[in-house]
Amino acid sequence: MGGLSGHFAPGHAAFCLTAILLGFAIGPASAQFYVRSPDVKKGETAIEEHGALYSGPGEDERRRQSHEVEFKHGLTDRWELIVEGFFRQDIGEKFEARQFELGAQYEIIERRGDGLGFAFRTIYEFALQGGEPDEILFGPLAKYVIGRDSVTANAFFIGQLGDEAEIDSLELKVNWRLKHEFNEKFGLGIEGYSEIEDLSHAGSWDDQKHRLGPVAYLELEREGSKLEWEFAVGVLFGISDATSDVTYKFDAELKF
């Protein structure tokens, strides 16, 4: 959050609304339900847990829970190392590890205060279950800040690799967040997530996964310590037939 100041002026609201509409136009979304920042800081390490619980199975999404554990370390002022593990439990199935992920993020435009930050992320996803393909994820991350208001968006393309590949085209996942910070500790926002599993056969809106909902953010920093905690909780509502009716999301992040 970091001590940004300002007010939510009408012009800022118009800008943010435009960003949301653009997000829906390309199909807003996420792998796990977390909007990633383009910011990279040399020497900073982060350990994160991004979890989700599902209620009311959709026509194409029949899950109980999913979790992503992420480790990040800023190698330089531009490069960040990323290691992730993805776990999931479908309805009627056991909880199991699904992917091990290794990659990096490069910060192309460094944001200082207000303005634009822009980065590019690439991750190789190793399948841990038989019969599932390895995948490679790549795409841009952007964040625009005006005072206490910000818009963040991720657009990730995913290609399947190997003999187990089920599609020849790419999958698209787009995540976006509109956030207002009331002070250095607390903020509220709206997040949206969508997923088009095969761009060559995108289908109708109801064939795709789309969800949207409010999220609350809390940041805690111990005085005199480099430790910083960030938390988020939210409720995402399915707005297409393929999506679960309600997804409860929570994020916990420790930086040091």
Protein backbone atom coordinates (compact mmCIF):
# COMPACT_ATOMS: atom_id res chain seq x y z
CA MET A 1 0.00 0.00 0.00
CA GLY A 2 2.85 2.31 0.93
CA GLY A 3 1.53 5.77 1.90
CA LEU A 4 -0.04 6.88 -1.38
CA SER A 5 -2.23 9.95 -1.06
CA GLY A 6 -5.07 11.52 -3.03
CA HIS A 7 -8.81 11.37 -3.58
CA PHE A 8 -11.10 9.37 -5.84
CA ALA A 9 -11.92 12.16 -8.29
CA PRO A 10 -14.56 11.71 -11.05
CA GLY A 11 -11.82 11.54 -13.67
CA HIS A 12 -10.14 8.73 -11.76
CA ALA A 13 -13.42 6.83 -11.52
CA ALA A 14 -13.95 7.15 -15.27
CA PHE A 15 -10.46 5.82 -15.91
CA CYS A 16 -11.01 2.83 -13.63
CA LEU A 17 -14.43 2.05 -15.13
CA THR A 18 -12.89 2.04 -18.59
CA ALA A 19 -10.24 -0.40 -17.37
CA ILE A 20 -12.94 -2.75 -16.06
CA LEU A 21 -14.86 -2.69 -19.32
CA LEU A 22 -11.70 -3.42 -21.27
CA GLY A 23 -11.05 -6.33 -18.92
CA PHE A 24 -14.46 -7.84 -19.70
CA ALA A 25 -13.96 -7.24 -23.41
CA ILE A 26 -10.97 -9.56 -23.49
CA GLY A 27 -12.45 -11.95 -20.93
CA PRO A 28 -11.16 -11.02 -17.37
CA ALA A 29 -9.62 -14.19 -15.33
CA SER A 30 -6.98 -16.22 -13.29
CA ALA A 31 -5.14 -19.55 -12.61
CA GLN A 32 -5.54 -19.09 -8.91
CA PHE A 33 -7.59 -16.06 -7.92
CA TYR A 34 -4.86 -13.53 -7.29
CA VAL A 35 -3.95 -10.44 -9.32
CA ARG A 36 -0.18 -10.27 -9.57
CA SER A 37 1.82 -7.04 -9.40
CA PRO A 38 4.49 -6.05 -11.96
CA ASP A 39 6.71 -4.63 -9.19
CA VAL A 40 10.12 -6.22 -8.60
CA LYS A 41 12.41 -5.29 -5.70
CA LYS A 42 16.02 -6.49 -5.51
CA GLY A 43 16.73 -8.66 -2.48
CA GLU A 44 13.08 -8.94 -1.40
CA THR A 45 11.71 -12.42 -0.71
CA ALA A 46 8.02 -13.27 -0.54
CA ILE A 47 6.21 -16.44 0.53
CA GLU A 48 2.54 -16.52 -0.47
CA GLU A 49 -0.54 -18.72 -0.11
CA HIS A 50 -3.50 -18.16 -2.43
CA GLY A 51 -6.50 -20.32 -1.55
CA ALA A 52 -10.04 -20.79 -2.79
CA LEU A 53 -13.12 -22.69 -1.60
CA TYR A 54 -15.95 -23.41 -4.05
CA SER A 55 -19.72 -23.59 -3.52
CA GLY A 56 -22.34 -24.55 -6.10
CA PRO A 57 -20.52 -26.43 -8.89
CA GLY A 58 -20.68 -25.02 -12.39
CA GLU A 59 -21.27 -27.00 -15.55
CA ASP A 60 -17.52 -27.13 -16.29
CA GLU A 61 -16.02 -26.48 -12.85
CA ARG A 62 -16.62 -29.06 -10.14
CA ARG A 63 -14.15 -28.23 -7.40
CA ARG A 64 -14.01 -28.25 -3.60
CA GLN A 65 -10.83 -26.27 -3.02
CA SER A 66 -7.58 -25.14 -4.64
CA HIS A 67 -4.36 -23.64 -3.31
CA GLU A 68 -1.25 -22.09 -4.79
CA VAL A 69 1.91 -21.71 -2.70
CA GLU A 70 4.39 -19.27 -4.22
CA PHE A 71 8.00 -18.30 -3.47
CA LYS A 72 9.47 -15.16 -5.07
CA HIS A 73 12.87 -13.52 -4.79
CA GLY A 74 14.12 -10.33 -6.42
CA LEU A 75 17.42 -11.29 -8.04
CA THR A 76 18.05 -7.77 -9.43
CA ASP A 77 16.11 -4.52 -9.77
CA ARG A 78 14.37 -6.06 -12.81
CA TRP A 79 14.47 -9.86 -12.50
CA GLU A 80 12.44 -11.96 -10.07
CA LEU A 81 12.66 -15.73 -9.54
CA ILE A 82 9.33 -17.57 -9.10
CA VAL A 83 8.70 -21.08 -7.69
CA GLU A 84 5.12 -22.30 -7.23
CA GLY A 85 3.16 -25.38 -6.27
CA PHE A 86 -0.50 -25.87 -7.20
CA PHE A 87 -2.89 -28.14 -5.26
CA ARG A 88 -6.54 -28.97 -5.99
CA GLN A 89 -9.44 -31.10 -4.81
CA ASP A 90 -12.31 -31.79 -7.19
CA ILE A 91 -15.73 -32.96 -6.02
CA GLY A 92 -15.54 -36.64 -5.09
CA GLU A 93 -11.73 -36.69 -5.43
CA LYS A 94 -8.84 -36.47 -2.98
CA PHE A 95 -6.71 -33.39 -2.34
CA GLU A 96 -3.54 -33.66 -4.44
CA ALA A 97 -0.60 -31.74 -5.86
CA ARG A 98 -1.26 -30.92 -9.52
CA GLN A 99 1.68 -28.81 -10.73
CA PHE A 100 5.18 -27.65 -9.86
CA GLU A 101 5.99 -24.33 -11.50
CA LEU A 102 9.29 -22.56 -12.14
CA GLY A 103 9.81 -19.24 -13.88
CA ALA A 104 10.74 -15.58 -13.76
CA GLN A 105 9.33 -12.08 -14.10
CA TYR A 106 11.04 -9.12 -15.78
CA GLU A 107 10.02 -5.56 -14.91
CA ILE A 108 10.01 -3.53 -18.13
CA ILE A 109 8.65 -0.22 -16.78
CA GLU A 110 9.43 0.58 -13.15
CA ARG A 111 6.72 2.56 -11.39
CA ARG A 112 7.74 5.21 -8.86
CA GLY A 113 4.65 6.47 -7.02
CA ASP A 114 1.82 7.38 -9.38
CA GLY A 115 1.88 6.13 -12.96
CA LEU A 116 2.38 2.89 -14.85
CA GLY A 117 4.32 -0.24 -13.96
CA PHE A 118 4.69 -3.00 -16.55
CA ALA A 119 6.31 -6.46 -16.50
CA PHE A 120 6.36 -9.79 -18.33
CA ARG A 121 6.16 -13.22 -16.69
CA THR A 122 7.06 -16.67 -18.03
CA ILE A 123 6.54 -19.92 -16.08
CA TYR A 124 6.99 -23.58 -16.97
CA GLU A 125 4.37 -25.77 -15.26
CA PHE A 126 5.34 -29.41 -14.68
CA ALA A 127 2.33 -31.75 -14.42
CA LEU A 128 2.47 -33.98 -11.33
CA GLN A 129 -0.44 -36.27 -12.26
CA GLY A 130 -0.31 -38.89 -15.01
CA GLY A 131 -2.26 -38.15 -18.17
CA GLU A 132 -1.96 -34.36 -17.82
CA PRO A 133 0.25 -32.18 -20.05
CA ASP A 134 3.05 -29.86 -19.00
CA GLU A 135 2.21 -26.21 -19.70
CA ILE A 136 4.01 -22.96 -20.33
CA LEU A 137 2.46 -19.70 -19.14
CA PHE A 138 3.50 -16.28 -20.41
CA GLY A 139 2.08 -12.79 -20.56
CA PRO A 140 2.14 -9.16 -19.36
CA LEU A 141 1.29 -7.61 -16.00
CA ALA A 142 0.39 -3.92 -15.63
CA LYS A 143 -0.51 -1.59 -12.77
CA TYR A 144 -1.60 2.04 -12.98
CA VAL A 145 -1.74 4.15 -9.80
CA ILE A 146 -3.46 7.49 -9.22
CA GLY A 147 -3.16 8.57 -5.59
CA ARG A 148 -4.90 5.97 -3.43
CA ASP A 149 -6.56 4.32 -6.43
CA SER A 150 -5.08 1.65 -8.68
CA VAL A 151 -5.96 -0.68 -11.54
CA THR A 152 -3.95 -3.88 -11.97
CA ALA A 153 -4.36 -6.38 -14.81
CA ASN A 154 -2.72 -9.65 -15.88
CA ALA A 155 -3.18 -11.37 -19.25
CA PHE A 156 -1.68 -14.87 -19.34
CA PHE A 157 -1.54 -17.21 -22.33
CA ILE A 158 -1.04 -20.92 -21.62
CA GLY A 159 0.17 -23.54 -24.08
CA GLN A 160 0.05 -27.30 -23.47
CA LEU A 161 3.11 -29.40 -24.26
CA GLY A 162 3.84 -33.06 -24.93
CA ASP A 163 1.83 -36.10 -25.96
CA GLU A 164 -0.85 -35.43 -23.32
CA ALA A 165 -1.79 -32.01 -24.82
CA GLU A 166 -5.56 -31.68 -25.29
CA ILE A 167 -5.66 -28.44 -27.32
CA ASP A 168 -3.53 -27.15 -30.23
CA SER A 169 -4.26 -23.50 -29.52
CA LEU A 170 -3.70 -21.36 -26.41
CA GLU A 171 -5.69 -20.88 -23.24
CA LEU A 172 -6.27 -17.30 -22.02
CA LYS A 173 -6.57 -16.20 -18.40
CA VAL A 174 -7.01 -12.54 -17.47
CA ASN A 175 -7.17 -11.15 -13.93
CA TRP A 176 -7.96 -7.55 -12.97
CA ARG A 177 -8.35 -5.55 -9.80
CA LEU A 178 -9.77 -2.11 -9.06
CA LYS A 179 -8.62 -0.99 -5.60
CA HIS A 180 -9.02 2.00 -3.28
CA GLU A 181 -6.75 2.40 -0.23
CA PHE A 182 -8.36 4.17 2.73
CA ASN A 183 -5.04 4.33 4.60
CA GLU A 184 -1.70 2.54 4.70
CA LYS A 185 -3.27 -0.60 6.20
CA PHE A 186 -6.75 -1.09 4.77
CA GLY A 187 -8.27 -1.13 1.29
CA LEU A 188 -11.31 -2.35 -0.61
CA GLY A 189 -11.62 -3.41 -4.21
CA ILE A 190 -13.33 -5.38 -6.92
CA GLU A 191 -11.62 -8.27 -8.67
CA GLY A 192 -12.58 -10.10 -11.85
CA TYR A 193 -11.36 -13.39 -13.30
CA SER A 194 -12.12 -15.17 -16.55
CA GLU A 195 -10.79 -18.15 -18.44
CA ILE A 196 -11.08 -19.19 -22.07
CA GLU A 197 -9.74 -22.73 -22.22
CA ASP A 198 -9.21 -22.89 -26.01
CA LEU A 199 -8.94 -19.67 -28.03
CA SER A 200 -9.54 -21.56 -31.29
CA HIS A 201 -12.89 -22.80 -29.89
CA ALA A 202 -13.83 -20.08 -27.42
CA GLY A 203 -17.55 -20.92 -27.37
CA SER A 204 -20.17 -18.65 -25.82
CA TRP A 205 -19.90 -16.56 -22.63
CA ASP A 206 -21.58 -19.36 -20.63
CA ASP A 207 -19.06 -21.91 -21.95
CA GLN A 208 -16.24 -19.86 -20.42
CA LYS A 209 -15.40 -19.27 -16.74
CA HIS A 210 -16.16 -15.75 -15.46
CA ARG A 211 -16.35 -14.54 -11.85
CA LEU A 212 -16.47 -11.16 -10.14
CA GLY A 213 -16.68 -9.89 -6.56
CA PRO A 214 -15.59 -7.60 -3.69
CA VAL A 215 -12.28 -8.06 -1.86
CA ALA A 216 -10.87 -6.52 1.35
CA TYR A 217 -7.12 -5.94 1.84
CA LEU A 218 -5.07 -5.61 5.02
CA GLU A 219 -1.36 -4.80 5.30
CA LEU A 220 0.60 -5.10 8.55
CA GLU A 221 4.18 -3.99 9.05
CA ARG A 222 6.07 -4.34 12.31
CA GLU A 223 7.89 -1.14 13.23
CA GLY A 224 11.65 -1.56 13.11
CA SER A 225 11.36 -4.86 11.24
CA LYS A 226 11.67 -5.80 7.58
CA LEU A 227 8.77 -8.24 7.91
CA GLU A 228 5.57 -7.23 6.15
CA TRP A 229 2.29 -9.16 6.07
CA GLU A 230 -0.43 -8.72 3.46
CA PHE A 231 -3.85 -10.37 3.59
CA ALA A 232 -6.90 -10.38 1.33
CA VAL A 233 -10.32 -12.03 1.58
CA GLY A 234 -13.13 -11.88 -0.94
CA VAL A 235 -16.24 -13.46 -2.38
CA LEU A 236 -16.34 -14.05 -6.14
CA PHE A 237 -19.67 -14.74 -7.85
CA GLY A 238 -19.87 -16.93 -10.94
CA ILE A 239 -21.39 -15.00 -13.87
CA SER A 240 -21.40 -17.80 -16.42
CA ASP A 241 -22.93 -21.28 -16.41
CA ALA A 242 -19.55 -23.03 -16.52
CA THR A 243 -18.39 -21.36 -13.28
CA SER A 244 -19.03 -22.29 -9.65
CA ASP A 245 -21.79 -20.17 -8.11
CA VAL A 246 -19.57 -18.74 -5.34
CA THR A 247 -15.80 -18.81 -4.79
CA TYR A 248 -14.38 -17.71 -1.42
CA LYS A 249 -10.81 -16.49 -1.91
CA PHE A 250 -8.08 -15.68 0.59
CA ASP A 251 -4.48 -14.56 0.19
CA ALA A 252 -1.65 -14.39 2.74
CA GLU A 253 1.76 -13.00 1.88
CA LEU A 254 4.90 -12.56 3.96
CA LYS A 255 7.66 -10.26 2.63
CA PHE A 256 11.13 -9.87 4.08
